[in-house]
């Protein structure tokens, strides 16, 4: 169960990163 949750969290993290990264790049740091 733990490994499944980690996998879900990792996929969720990749999905969020794909959305957040372009936004961070378009914003002045």
N, C-alpha and C. Protein backbone atom coordinates (compact mmCIF):
# COMPACT_ATOMS: atom_id res chain seq x y z
N UNK A 1 0.85 -1.20 0.00
CA UNK A 1 0.00 0.00 0.00
C UNK A 1 0.89 1.25 0.00
N UNK A 2 1.94 1.22 0.80
CA UNK A 2 2.85 2.36 0.88
C UNK A 2 3.45 2.70 -0.47
N UNK A 3 3.88 1.65 -1.20
CA UNK A 3 4.51 1.90 -2.51
C UNK A 3 3.50 2.49 -3.48
N UNK A 4 2.25 2.03 -3.39
CA UNK A 4 1.21 2.55 -4.28
C UNK A 4 0.97 4.03 -3.99
N UNK A 5 0.92 4.39 -2.72
CA UNK A 5 0.70 5.78 -2.36
C UNK A 5 1.85 6.64 -2.83
N UNK A 6 3.07 6.12 -2.71
CA UNK A 6 4.25 6.87 -3.17
C UNK A 6 4.16 7.07 -4.68
N UNK A 7 3.72 6.06 -5.39
CA UNK A 7 3.62 6.16 -6.85
C UNK A 7 2.56 7.21 -7.22
N UNK A 8 1.44 7.19 -6.52
CA UNK A 8 0.38 8.17 -6.79
C UNK A 8 0.88 9.57 -6.49
N UNK A 9 1.58 9.73 -5.36
CA UNK A 9 2.10 11.04 -4.99
C UNK A 9 3.10 11.52 -6.03
N UNK A 10 3.92 10.60 -6.57
CA UNK A 10 4.93 10.97 -7.56
C UNK A 10 4.27 11.41 -8.85
N UNK A 11 3.24 10.68 -9.28
CA UNK A 11 2.53 11.06 -10.51
C UNK A 11 1.84 12.40 -10.31
N UNK A 12 1.28 12.61 -9.11
CA UNK A 12 0.61 13.88 -8.80
C UNK A 12 1.63 15.01 -8.82
N UNK A 13 2.82 14.74 -8.28
CA UNK A 13 3.88 15.75 -8.24
C UNK A 13 4.31 16.12 -9.65
N UNK A 14 4.42 15.11 -10.53
CA UNK A 14 4.83 15.39 -11.91
C UNK A 14 3.76 16.24 -12.61
N UNK A 15 2.49 15.94 -12.33
CA UNK A 15 1.40 16.68 -12.96
C UNK A 15 1.42 18.14 -12.49
N UNK A 16 1.59 18.34 -11.19
CA UNK A 16 1.64 19.70 -10.65
C UNK A 16 2.86 20.43 -11.19
N UNK A 17 4.00 19.74 -11.27
CA UNK A 17 5.23 20.38 -11.76
C UNK A 17 5.05 20.84 -13.20
N UNK A 18 4.35 20.04 -14.01
CA UNK A 18 4.15 20.38 -15.41
C UNK A 18 3.30 21.65 -15.54
N UNK A 19 2.46 21.91 -14.54
CA UNK A 19 1.61 23.10 -14.57
C UNK A 19 2.34 24.29 -13.95
N UNK A 20 3.06 24.05 -12.87
CA UNK A 20 3.70 25.13 -12.12
C UNK A 20 4.96 25.64 -12.79
N UNK A 21 5.75 24.74 -13.38
CA UNK A 21 7.02 25.15 -13.97
C UNK A 21 6.87 26.26 -15.01
N UNK A 22 5.97 26.14 -15.98
CA UNK A 22 5.80 27.22 -16.96
C UNK A 22 5.39 28.53 -16.30
N UNK A 23 4.58 28.44 -15.25
CA UNK A 23 4.13 29.65 -14.57
C UNK A 23 5.31 30.33 -13.88
N UNK A 24 6.18 29.53 -13.25
CA UNK A 24 7.35 30.09 -12.57
C UNK A 24 8.30 30.72 -13.58
N UNK A 25 8.42 30.11 -14.75
CA UNK A 25 9.34 30.63 -15.77
C UNK A 25 8.81 31.95 -16.33
N UNK A 26 7.49 32.09 -16.43
CA UNK A 26 6.91 33.30 -16.99
C UNK A 26 6.93 34.44 -15.97
N UNK A 27 7.08 34.09 -14.68
CA UNK A 27 7.12 35.12 -13.64
C UNK A 27 8.56 35.53 -13.36
N UNK A 28 8.77 36.81 -13.03
CA UNK A 28 10.11 37.24 -12.61
C UNK A 28 10.44 36.62 -11.26
N UNK A 29 11.62 36.06 -11.13
CA UNK A 29 11.98 35.37 -9.89
C UNK A 29 12.37 36.34 -8.79
